[in-house]
């Protein structure tokens, strides 16, 4: 997920960093929900391929990161993992928006 920082910086910032990072977090949550729900990596990749660049690259990075996680057995653990992934993606996005 390290390269998300670089990719998010490429996205046109018509909205503020918070709005952009909200979108990244929402995408991350959706990707991890799919992962924890048993959706195949191939199916997720097909969805990402339908996106325009650079959104496609961000989605692919999220998919790669999410599919490094194992599928958890309990609903509570899955929900916690989904939430943590969304939060971490939001934080990484915000970090990418800070001036050097």
PDB file of N, CA and C in Angstrom:
ATOM      1  N   UNK A   1       0.823  -1.184   0.000  1.00  0.00           N
ATOM      2  CA  UNK A   1       0.000   0.000   0.000  1.00  0.00           C
ATOM      3  C   UNK A   1       0.871   1.253   0.000  1.00  0.00           C
ATOM      4  N   UNK A   2       2.150   1.084   0.059  1.00  0.00           N
ATOM      5  CA  UNK A   2       3.054   2.223   0.088  1.00  0.00           C
ATOM      6  C   UNK A   2       2.909   3.100  -1.147  1.00  0.00           C
ATOM      7  N   UNK A   3       2.697   2.485  -2.323  1.00  0.00           N
ATOM      8  CA  UNK A   3       2.619   3.285  -3.530  1.00  0.00           C
ATOM      9  C   UNK A   3       1.301   4.034  -3.664  1.00  0.00           C
ATOM     10  N   UNK A   4       0.315   3.744  -2.811  1.00  0.00           N
ATOM     11  CA  UNK A   4      -0.912   4.535  -2.801  1.00  0.00           C
ATOM     12  C   UNK A   4      -0.569   5.990  -2.532  1.00  0.00           C
ATOM     13  N   UNK A   5       0.395   6.213  -1.677  1.00  0.00           N
ATOM     14  CA  UNK A   5       0.802   7.575  -1.347  1.00  0.00           C
ATOM     15  C   UNK A   5       1.208   8.319  -2.607  1.00  0.00           C
ATOM     16  N   UNK A   6       1.990   7.703  -3.447  1.00  0.00           N
ATOM     17  CA  UNK A   6       2.417   8.344  -4.687  1.00  0.00           C
ATOM     18  C   UNK A   6       1.258   8.483  -5.656  1.00  0.00           C
ATOM     19  N   UNK A   7       0.431   7.467  -5.761  1.00  0.00           N
ATOM     20  CA  UNK A   7      -0.663   7.490  -6.725  1.00  0.00           C
ATOM     21  C   UNK A   7      -1.727   8.508  -6.368  1.00  0.00           C
ATOM     22  N   UNK A   8      -2.043   8.623  -5.091  1.00  0.00           N
ATOM     23  CA  UNK A   8      -3.071   9.563  -4.678  1.00  0.00           C
ATOM     24  C   UNK A   8      -2.640  10.982  -5.022  1.00  0.00           C
ATOM     25  N   UNK A   9      -1.355  11.247  -4.955  1.00  0.00           N
ATOM     26  CA  UNK A   9      -0.847  12.557  -5.316  1.00  0.00           C
ATOM     27  C   UNK A   9      -1.072  12.892  -6.775  1.00  0.00           C
ATOM     28  N   UNK A  10      -1.303  11.898  -7.628  1.00  0.00           N
ATOM     29  CA  UNK A  10      -1.536  12.124  -9.046  1.00  0.00           C
ATOM     30  C   UNK A  10      -2.974  12.495  -9.362  1.00  0.00           C
ATOM     31  N   UNK A  11      -3.881  12.198  -8.442  1.00  0.00           N
ATOM     32  CA  UNK A  11      -5.297  12.448  -8.682  1.00  0.00           C
ATOM     33  C   UNK A  11      -5.544  13.960  -8.668  1.00  0.00           C
ATOM     34  N   UNK A  12      -6.314  14.437  -9.610  1.00  0.00           N
ATOM     35  CA  UNK A  12      -6.652  15.850  -9.660  1.00  0.00           C
ATOM     36  C   UNK A  12      -7.431  16.223  -8.416  1.00  0.00           C
ATOM     37  N   UNK A  13      -7.000  17.273  -7.778  1.00  0.00           N
ATOM     38  CA  UNK A  13      -7.608  17.662  -6.509  1.00  0.00           C
ATOM     39  C   UNK A  13      -8.627  18.776  -6.702  1.00  0.00           C
ATOM     40  N   UNK A  14      -9.749  18.442  -7.335  1.00  0.00           N
ATOM     41  CA  UNK A  14     -10.812  19.420  -7.459  1.00  0.00           C
ATOM     42  C   UNK A  14     -11.506  19.584  -6.114  1.00  0.00           C
ATOM     43  N   UNK A  15     -11.480  18.565  -5.316  1.00  0.00           N
ATOM     44  CA  UNK A  15     -12.006  18.618  -3.960  1.00  0.00           C
ATOM     45  C   UNK A  15     -10.819  18.677  -3.010  1.00  0.00           C
ATOM     46  N   UNK A  16     -11.090  18.908  -1.757  1.00  0.00           N
ATOM     47  CA  UNK A  16     -10.024  18.963  -0.764  1.00  0.00           C
ATOM     48  C   UNK A  16      -9.465  17.594  -0.461  1.00  0.00           C
ATOM     49  N   UNK A  17      -8.359  17.577   0.289  1.00  0.00           N
ATOM     50  CA  UNK A  17      -7.704  16.325   0.667  1.00  0.00           C
ATOM     51  C   UNK A  17      -8.645  15.424   1.458  1.00  0.00           C
ATOM     52  N   UNK A  18      -9.466  16.017   2.333  1.00  0.00           N
ATOM     53  CA  UNK A  18     -10.389  15.202   3.122  1.00  0.00           C
ATOM     54  C   UNK A  18     -11.384  14.473   2.232  1.00  0.00           C
ATOM     55  N   UNK A  19     -11.913  15.160   1.214  1.00  0.00           N
ATOM     56  CA  UNK A  19     -12.866  14.519   0.305  1.00  0.00           C
ATOM     57  C   UNK A  19     -12.195  13.400  -0.479  1.00  0.00           C
ATOM     58  N   UNK A  20     -11.003  13.668  -0.975  1.00  0.00           N
ATOM     59  CA  UNK A  20     -10.261  12.646  -1.713  1.00  0.00           C
ATOM     60  C   UNK A  20      -9.978  11.449  -0.818  1.00  0.00           C
ATOM     61  N   UNK A  21      -9.526  11.709   0.384  1.00  0.00           N
ATOM     62  CA  UNK A  21      -9.178  10.621   1.297  1.00  0.00           C
ATOM     63  C   UNK A  21     -10.416   9.868   1.761  1.00  0.00           C
ATOM     64  N   UNK A  22     -11.554  10.552   1.847  1.00  0.00           N
ATOM     65  CA  UNK A  22     -12.808   9.851   2.124  1.00  0.00           C
ATOM     66  C   UNK A  22     -13.103   8.844   1.022  1.00  0.00           C
ATOM     67  N   UNK A  23     -12.868   9.251  -0.221  1.00  0.00           N
ATOM     68  CA  UNK A  23     -13.110   8.359  -1.356  1.00  0.00           C
ATOM     69  C   UNK A  23     -12.152   7.170  -1.342  1.00  0.00           C
ATOM     70  N   UNK A  24     -10.898   7.423  -1.010  1.00  0.00           N
ATOM     71  CA  UNK A  24      -9.915   6.334  -0.922  1.00  0.00           C
ATOM     72  C   UNK A  24     -10.316   5.367   0.189  1.00  0.00           C
ATOM     73  N   UNK A  25     -10.713   5.905   1.329  1.00  0.00           N
ATOM     74  CA  UNK A  25     -11.127   5.068   2.452  1.00  0.00           C
ATOM     75  C   UNK A  25     -12.353   4.231   2.092  1.00  0.00           C
ATOM     76  N   UNK A  26     -13.315   4.854   1.435  1.00  0.00           N
ATOM     77  CA  UNK A  26     -14.522   4.137   1.021  1.00  0.00           C
ATOM     78  C   UNK A  26     -14.184   3.002   0.048  1.00  0.00           C
ATOM     79  N   UNK A  27     -13.285   3.281  -0.889  1.00  0.00           N
ATOM     80  CA  UNK A  27     -12.849   2.240  -1.833  1.00  0.00           C
ATOM     81  C   UNK A  27     -12.145   1.114  -1.086  1.00  0.00           C
ATOM     82  N   UNK A  28     -11.302   1.479  -0.116  1.00  0.00           N
ATOM     83  CA  UNK A  28     -10.586   0.470   0.670  1.00  0.00           C
ATOM     84  C   UNK A  28     -11.560  -0.411   1.442  1.00  0.00           C
ATOM     85  N   UNK A  29     -12.566   0.200   2.028  1.00  0.00           N
ATOM     86  CA  UNK A  29     -13.578  -0.563   2.771  1.00  0.00           C
ATOM     87  C   UNK A  29     -14.294  -1.532   1.832  1.00  0.00           C
ATOM     88  N   UNK A  30     -14.668  -1.055   0.654  1.00  0.00           N
ATOM     89  CA  UNK A  30     -15.356  -1.926  -0.310  1.00  0.00           C
ATOM     90  C   UNK A  30     -14.474  -3.089  -0.749  1.00  0.00           C
ATOM     91  N   UNK A  31     -13.200  -2.811  -0.979  1.00  0.00           N
ATOM     92  CA  UNK A  31     -12.279  -3.868  -1.399  1.00  0.00           C
ATOM     93  C   UNK A  31     -12.109  -4.902  -0.284  1.00  0.00           C
ATOM     94  N   UNK A  32     -11.926  -4.440   0.949  1.00  0.00           N
ATOM     95  CA  UNK A  32     -11.732  -5.392   2.057  1.00  0.00           C
ATOM     96  C   UNK A  32     -13.021  -6.154   2.352  1.00  0.00           C
ATOM     97  N   UNK A  33     -14.180  -5.516   2.200  1.00  0.00           N
ATOM     98  CA  UNK A  33     -15.446  -6.243   2.363  1.00  0.00           C
ATOM     99  C   UNK A  33     -15.540  -7.372   1.337  1.00  0.00           C
ATOM    100  N   UNK A  34     -15.139  -7.077   0.119  1.00  0.00           N
ATOM    101  CA  UNK A  34     -15.155  -8.104  -0.918  1.00  0.00           C
ATOM    102  C   UNK A  34     -14.189  -9.224  -0.562  1.00  0.00           C
ATOM    103  N   UNK A  35     -12.998  -8.860  -0.103  1.00  0.00           N
ATOM    104  CA  UNK A  35     -11.994  -9.860   0.279  1.00  0.00           C
ATOM    105  C   UNK A  35     -12.524 -10.756   1.381  1.00  0.00           C
ATOM    106  N   UNK A  36     -13.062 -10.142   2.422  1.00  0.00           N
ATOM    107  CA  UNK A  36     -13.569 -10.913   3.549  1.00  0.00           C
ATOM    108  C   UNK A  36     -14.833 -11.688   3.188  1.00  0.00           C
ATOM    109  N   UNK A  37     -15.516 -11.249   2.132  1.00  0.00           N
ATOM    110  CA  UNK A  37     -16.719 -11.935   1.673  1.00  0.00           C
ATOM    111  C   UNK A  37     -16.440 -13.062   0.701  1.00  0.00           C
ATOM    112  N   UNK A  38     -15.162 -13.263   0.365  1.00  0.00           N
ATOM    113  CA  UNK A  38     -14.800 -14.385  -0.494  1.00  0.00           C
ATOM    114  C   UNK A  38     -14.778 -14.081  -1.980  1.00  0.00           C
ATOM    115  N   UNK A  39     -14.862 -12.808  -2.365  1.00  0.00           N
ATOM    116  CA  UNK A  39     -14.777 -12.445  -3.781  1.00  0.00           C
ATOM    117  C   UNK A  39     -13.350 -12.700  -4.250  1.00  0.00           C
ATOM    118  N   UNK A  40     -13.205 -13.270  -5.425  1.00  0.00           N
ATOM    119  CA  UNK A  40     -11.869 -13.613  -5.918  1.00  0.00           C
ATOM    120  C   UNK A  40     -11.076 -12.361  -6.294  1.00  0.00           C
ATOM    121  N   UNK A  41      -9.764 -12.498  -6.232  1.00  0.00           N
ATOM    122  CA  UNK A  41      -8.871 -11.417  -6.642  1.00  0.00           C
ATOM    123  C   UNK A  41      -9.088 -11.083  -8.120  1.00  0.00           C
ATOM    124  N   UNK A  42      -9.318 -12.099  -8.929  1.00  0.00           N
ATOM    125  CA  UNK A  42      -9.538 -11.900 -10.355  1.00  0.00           C
ATOM    126  C   UNK A  42     -10.775 -11.048 -10.606  1.00  0.00           C
ATOM    127  N   UNK A  43     -11.852 -11.319  -9.897  1.00  0.00           N
ATOM    128  CA  UNK A  43     -13.084 -10.530 -10.051  1.00  0.00           C
ATOM    129  C   UNK A  43     -12.845  -9.085  -9.641  1.00  0.00           C
ATOM    130  N   UNK A  44     -12.107  -8.878  -8.565  1.00  0.00           N
ATOM    131  CA  UNK A  44     -11.800  -7.517  -8.115  1.00  0.00           C
ATOM    132  C   UNK A  44     -10.924  -6.801  -9.134  1.00  0.00           C
ATOM    133  N   UNK A  45      -9.982  -7.518  -9.721  1.00  0.00           N
ATOM    134  CA  UNK A  45      -9.107  -6.924 -10.722  1.00  0.00           C
ATOM    135  C   UNK A  45      -9.920  -6.488 -11.946  1.00  0.00           C
ATOM    136  N   UNK A  46     -10.913  -7.282 -12.331  1.00  0.00           N
ATOM    137  CA  UNK A  46     -11.768  -6.911 -13.464  1.00  0.00           C
ATOM    138  C   UNK A  46     -12.518  -5.611 -13.177  1.00  0.00           C
ATOM    139  N   UNK A  47     -12.969  -5.457 -11.940  1.00  0.00           N
ATOM    140  CA  UNK A  47     -13.658  -4.222 -11.542  1.00  0.00           C
ATOM    141  C   UNK A  47     -12.690  -3.041 -11.613  1.00  0.00           C
ATOM    142  N   UNK A  48     -11.489  -3.229 -11.099  1.00  0.00           N
ATOM    143  CA  UNK A  48     -10.483  -2.163 -11.123  1.00  0.00           C
ATOM    144  C   UNK A  48     -10.140  -1.775 -12.559  1.00  0.00           C
ATOM    145  N   UNK A  49     -10.068  -2.746 -13.436  1.00  0.00           N
ATOM    146  CA  UNK A  49      -9.708  -2.484 -14.831  1.00  0.00           C
ATOM    147  C   UNK A  49     -10.737  -1.620 -15.551  1.00  0.00           C
ATOM    148  N   UNK A  50     -11.930  -1.526 -15.009  1.00  0.00           N
ATOM    149  CA  UNK A  50     -12.972  -0.690 -15.616  1.00  0.00           C
ATOM    150  C   UNK A  50     -12.833   0.776 -15.219  1.00  0.00           C
ATOM    151  N   UNK A  51     -11.975   1.062 -14.250  1.00  0.00           N
ATOM    152  CA  UNK A  51     -11.772   2.434 -13.779  1.00  0.00           C
ATOM    153  C   UNK A  51     -10.804   3.173 -14.690  1.00  0.00           C
ATOM    154  N   UNK A  52     -10.891   4.484 -14.668  1.00  0.00           N
ATOM    155  CA  UNK A  52      -9.934   5.323 -15.383  1.00  0.00           C
ATOM    156  C   UNK A  52      -8.665   5.436 -14.545  1.00  0.00           C
ATOM    157  N   UNK A  53      -7.557   5.708 -15.221  1.00  0.00           N
ATOM    158  CA  UNK A  53      -6.308   5.939 -14.519  1.00  0.00           C
ATOM    159  C   UNK A  53      -6.332   7.364 -13.980  1.00  0.00           C
ATOM    160  N   UNK A  54      -5.852   7.707 -12.820  1.00  0.00           N
ATOM    161  CA  UNK A  54      -5.077   6.936 -11.862  1.00  0.00           C
ATOM    162  C   UNK A  54      -5.922   6.164 -10.847  1.00  0.00           C
ATOM    163  N   UNK A  55      -7.265   6.318 -10.892  1.00  0.00           N
ATOM    164  CA  UNK A  55      -8.107   5.590  -9.951  1.00  0.00           C
ATOM    165  C   UNK A  55      -7.880   4.086 -10.051  1.00  0.00           C
ATOM    166  N   UNK A  56      -7.664   3.597 -11.272  1.00  0.00           N
ATOM    167  CA  UNK A  56      -7.416   2.168 -11.487  1.00  0.00           C
ATOM    168  C   UNK A  56      -6.190   1.713 -10.694  1.00  0.00           C
ATOM    169  N   UNK A  57      -5.120   2.499 -10.756  1.00  0.00           N
ATOM    170  CA  UNK A  57      -3.895   2.130 -10.051  1.00  0.00           C
ATOM    171  C   UNK A  57      -4.097   2.132  -8.534  1.00  0.00           C
ATOM    172  N   UNK A  58      -4.857   3.107  -8.040  1.00  0.00           N
ATOM    173  CA  UNK A  58      -5.156   3.137  -6.608  1.00  0.00           C
ATOM    174  C   UNK A  58      -5.950   1.894  -6.224  1.00  0.00           C
ATOM    175  N   UNK A  59      -6.962   1.546  -7.034  1.00  0.00           N
ATOM    176  CA  UNK A  59      -7.767   0.353  -6.746  1.00  0.00           C
ATOM    177  C   UNK A  59      -6.909  -0.908  -6.756  1.00  0.00           C
ATOM    178  N   UNK A  60      -6.014  -1.007  -7.717  1.00  0.00           N
ATOM    179  CA  UNK A  60      -5.152  -2.193  -7.784  1.00  0.00           C
ATOM    180  C   UNK A  60      -4.272  -2.281  -6.545  1.00  0.00           C
ATOM    181  N   UNK A  61      -3.742  -1.149  -6.104  1.00  0.00           N
ATOM    182  CA  UNK A  61      -2.933  -1.144  -4.885  1.00  0.00           C
ATOM    183  C   UNK A  61      -3.758  -1.580  -3.680  1.00  0.00           C
ATOM    184  N   UNK A  62      -4.990  -1.121  -3.599  1.00  0.00           N
ATOM    185  CA  UNK A  62      -5.869  -1.528  -2.496  1.00  0.00           C
ATOM    186  C   UNK A  62      -6.164  -3.026  -2.567  1.00  0.00           C
ATOM    187  N   UNK A  63      -6.397  -3.524  -3.772  1.00  0.00           N
ATOM    188  CA  UNK A  63      -6.678  -4.954  -3.940  1.00  0.00           C
ATOM    189  C   UNK A  63      -5.475  -5.782  -3.510  1.00  0.00           C
ATOM    190  N   UNK A  64      -4.295  -5.406  -3.963  1.00  0.00           N
ATOM    191  CA  UNK A  64      -3.078  -6.141  -3.590  1.00  0.00           C
ATOM    192  C   UNK A  64      -2.930  -6.158  -2.068  1.00  0.00           C
ATOM    193  N   UNK A  65      -3.099  -5.006  -1.441  1.00  0.00           N
ATOM    194  CA  UNK A  65      -2.946  -4.927   0.017  1.00  0.00           C
ATOM    195  C   UNK A  65      -4.014  -5.755   0.731  1.00  0.00           C
ATOM    196  N   UNK A  66      -5.257  -5.665   0.278  1.00  0.00           N
ATOM    197  CA  UNK A  66      -6.346  -6.398   0.930  1.00  0.00           C
ATOM    198  C   UNK A  66      -6.171  -7.902   0.798  1.00  0.00           C
ATOM    199  N   UNK A  67      -5.709  -8.361  -0.362  1.00  0.00           N
ATOM    200  CA  UNK A  67      -5.592  -9.793  -0.594  1.00  0.00           C
ATOM    201  C   UNK A  67      -4.331 -10.391   0.029  1.00  0.00           C
ATOM    202  N   UNK A  68      -3.526  -9.551   0.664  1.00  0.00           N
ATOM    203  CA  UNK A  68      -2.432 -10.059   1.480  1.00  0.00           C
ATOM    204  C   UNK A  68      -2.956 -10.504   2.843  1.00  0.00           C
ATOM    205  N   UNK A  69      -4.164 -10.074   3.188  1.00  0.00           N
ATOM    206  CA  UNK A  69      -4.806 -10.441   4.452  1.00  0.00           C
ATOM    207  C   UNK A  69      -5.549 -11.758   4.292  1.00  0.00           C
ATOM    208  N   UNK A  70      -5.580 -12.506   5.353  1.00  0.00           N
ATOM    209  CA  UNK A  70      -6.351 -13.741   5.321  1.00  0.00           C
ATOM    210  C   UNK A  70      -7.829 -13.445   5.555  1.00  0.00           C
ATOM    211  N   UNK A  71      -8.688 -14.341   5.099  1.00  0.00           N
ATOM    212  CA  UNK A  71     -10.114 -14.224   5.357  1.00  0.00           C
ATOM    213  C   UNK A  71     -10.344 -14.684   6.785  1.00  0.00           C
ATOM    214  N   UNK A  72     -10.987 -13.836   7.559  1.00  0.00           N
ATOM    215  CA  UNK A  72     -11.221 -14.127   8.973  1.00  0.00           C
ATOM    216  C   UNK A  72     -12.541 -14.863   9.151  1.00  0.00           C
ATOM    217  N   UNK A  73     -12.640 -15.654  10.220  1.00  0.00           N
ATOM    218  CA  UNK A  73     -13.808 -16.507  10.400  1.00  0.00           C
ATOM    219  C   UNK A  73     -14.985 -15.815  11.067  1.00  0.00           C
ATOM    220  N   UNK A  74     -14.739 -15.013  12.065  1.00  0.00           N
ATOM    221  CA  UNK A  74     -15.862 -14.410  12.786  1.00  0.00           C
ATOM    222  C   UNK A  74     -16.277 -13.093  12.134  1.00  0.00           C
ATOM    223  N   UNK A  75     -17.569 -12.831  12.195  1.00  0.00           N
ATOM    224  CA  UNK A  75     -18.110 -11.590  11.620  1.00  0.00           C
ATOM    225  C   UNK A  75     -17.512 -10.375  12.320  1.00  0.00           C
ATOM    226  N   UNK A  76     -17.312 -10.475  13.605  1.00  0.00           N
ATOM    227  CA  UNK A  76     -16.741  -9.358  14.373  1.00  0.00           C
ATOM    228  C   UNK A  76     -15.300  -9.067  13.928  1.00  0.00           C
ATOM    229  N   UNK A  77     -14.509 -10.103  13.758  1.00  0.00           N
ATOM    230  CA  UNK A  77     -13.121  -9.932  13.325  1.00  0.00           C
ATOM    231  C   UNK A  77     -13.075  -9.365  11.904  1.00  0.00           C
ATOM    232  N   UNK A  78     -13.972  -9.839  11.044  1.00  0.00           N
ATOM    233  CA  UNK A  78     -14.031  -9.324   9.673  1.00  0.00           C
ATOM    234  C   UNK A  78     -14.353  -7.833   9.670  1.00  0.00           C
ATOM    235  N   UNK A  79     -15.356  -7.445  10.456  1.00  0.00           N
ATOM    236  CA  UNK A  79     -15.752  -6.041  10.500  1.00  0.00           C
ATOM    237  C   UNK A  79     -14.624  -5.167  11.039  1.00  0.00           C
ATOM    238  N   UNK A  80     -13.924  -5.663  12.039  1.00  0.00           N
ATOM    239  CA  UNK A  80     -12.787  -4.921  12.594  1.00  0.00           C
ATOM    240  C   UNK A  80     -11.696  -4.753  11.537  1.00  0.00           C
ATOM    241  N   UNK A  81     -11.400  -5.808  10.790  1.00  0.00           N
ATOM    242  CA  UNK A  81     -10.385  -5.762   9.735  1.00  0.00           C
ATOM    243  C   UNK A  81     -10.779  -4.769   8.641  1.00  0.00           C
ATOM    244  N   UNK A  82     -12.039  -4.787   8.249  1.00  0.00           N
ATOM    245  CA  UNK A  82     -12.549  -3.871   7.228  1.00  0.00           C
ATOM    246  C   UNK A  82     -12.387  -2.425   7.694  1.00  0.00           C
ATOM    247  N   UNK A  83     -12.791  -2.163   8.912  1.00  0.00           N
ATOM    248  CA  UNK A  83     -12.694  -0.815   9.464  1.00  0.00           C
ATOM    249  C   UNK A  83     -11.244  -0.350   9.573  1.00  0.00           C
ATOM    250  N   UNK A  84     -10.374  -1.223  10.057  1.00  0.00           N
ATOM    251  CA  UNK A  84      -8.954  -0.886  10.191  1.00  0.00           C
ATOM    252  C   UNK A  84      -8.321  -0.592   8.834  1.00  0.00           C
ATOM    253  N   UNK A  85      -8.691  -1.358   7.825  1.00  0.00           N
ATOM    254  CA  UNK A  85      -8.150  -1.162   6.485  1.00  0.00           C
ATOM    255  C   UNK A  85      -8.601   0.188   5.915  1.00  0.00           C
ATOM    256  N   UNK A  86      -9.855   0.515   6.106  1.00  0.00           N
ATOM    257  CA  UNK A  86     -10.371   1.810   5.665  1.00  0.00           C
ATOM    258  C   UNK A  86      -9.680   2.962   6.376  1.00  0.00           C
ATOM    259  N   UNK A  87      -9.512   2.839   7.695  1.00  0.00           N
ATOM    260  CA  UNK A  87      -8.842   3.879   8.475  1.00  0.00           C
ATOM    261  C   UNK A  87      -7.387   4.046   8.058  1.00  0.00           C
ATOM    262  N   UNK A  88      -6.688   2.940   7.865  1.00  0.00           N
ATOM    263  CA  UNK A  88      -5.274   3.000   7.472  1.00  0.00           C
ATOM    264  C   UNK A  88      -5.121   3.640   6.098  1.00  0.00           C
ATOM    265  N   UNK A  89      -6.031   3.319   5.191  1.00  0.00           N
ATOM    266  CA  UNK A  89      -5.983   3.905   3.851  1.00  0.00           C
ATOM    267  C   UNK A  89      -6.231   5.409   3.908  1.00  0.00           C
ATOM    268  N   UNK A  90      -7.146   5.825   4.749  1.00  0.00           N
ATOM    269  CA  UNK A  90      -7.439   7.249   4.927  1.00  0.00           C
ATOM    270  C   UNK A  90      -6.201   7.975   5.458  1.00  0.00           C
ATOM    271  N   UNK A  91      -5.572   7.394   6.465  1.00  0.00           N
ATOM    272  CA  UNK A  91      -4.378   8.017   7.052  1.00  0.00           C
ATOM    273  C   UNK A  91      -3.244   8.118   6.039  1.00  0.00           C
ATOM    274  N   UNK A  92      -3.025   7.070   5.270  1.00  0.00           N
ATOM    275  CA  UNK A  92      -1.962   7.098   4.253  1.00  0.00           C
ATOM    276  C   UNK A  92      -2.260   8.156   3.193  1.00  0.00           C
ATOM    277  N   UNK A  93      -3.522   8.291   2.843  1.00  0.00           N
ATOM    278  CA  UNK A  93      -3.917   9.311   1.888  1.00  0.00           C
ATOM    279  C   UNK A  93      -3.621  10.705   2.442  1.00  0.00           C
ATOM    280  N   UNK A  94      -4.012  10.945   3.684  1.00  0.00           N
ATOM    281  CA  UNK A  94      -3.743  12.255   4.290  1.00  0.00           C
ATOM    282  C   UNK A  94      -2.261  12.552   4.337  1.00  0.00           C
ATOM    283  N   UNK A  95      -1.461  11.539   4.689  1.00  0.00           N
ATOM    284  CA  UNK A  95      -0.010  11.716   4.716  1.00  0.00           C
ATOM    285  C   UNK A  95       0.531  12.117   3.355  1.00  0.00           C
ATOM    286  N   UNK A  96      -0.062  11.565   2.301  1.00  0.00           N
ATOM    287  CA  UNK A  96       0.406  11.869   0.947  1.00  0.00           C
ATOM    288  C   UNK A  96       0.074  13.294   0.541  1.00  0.00           C
ATOM    289  N   UNK A  97      -0.880  13.912   1.204  1.00  0.00           N
ATOM    290  CA  UNK A  97      -1.302  15.261   0.874  1.00  0.00           C
ATOM    291  C   UNK A  97      -0.524  16.342   1.621  1.00  0.00           C
ATOM    292  N   UNK A  98       0.261  15.944   2.608  1.00  0.00           N
ATOM    293  CA  UNK A  98       1.046  16.913   3.388  1.00  0.00           C
ATOM    294  C   UNK A  98       2.214  17.406   2.559  1.00  0.00           C
ATOM    295  N   UNK A  99       2.462  18.710   2.609  1.00  0.00           N
ATOM    296  CA  UNK A  99       3.644  19.221   1.897  1.00  0.00           C
ATOM    297  C   UNK A  99       4.911  18.704   2.546  1.00  0.00           C
ATOM    298  N   UNK A 100       5.956  18.528   1.734  1.00  0.00           N
ATOM    299  CA  UNK A 100       7.225  17.996   2.260  1.00  0.00           C
ATOM    300  C   UNK A 100       7.931  18.962   3.139  1.00  0.00           C
TER     301      UNK A 100
END
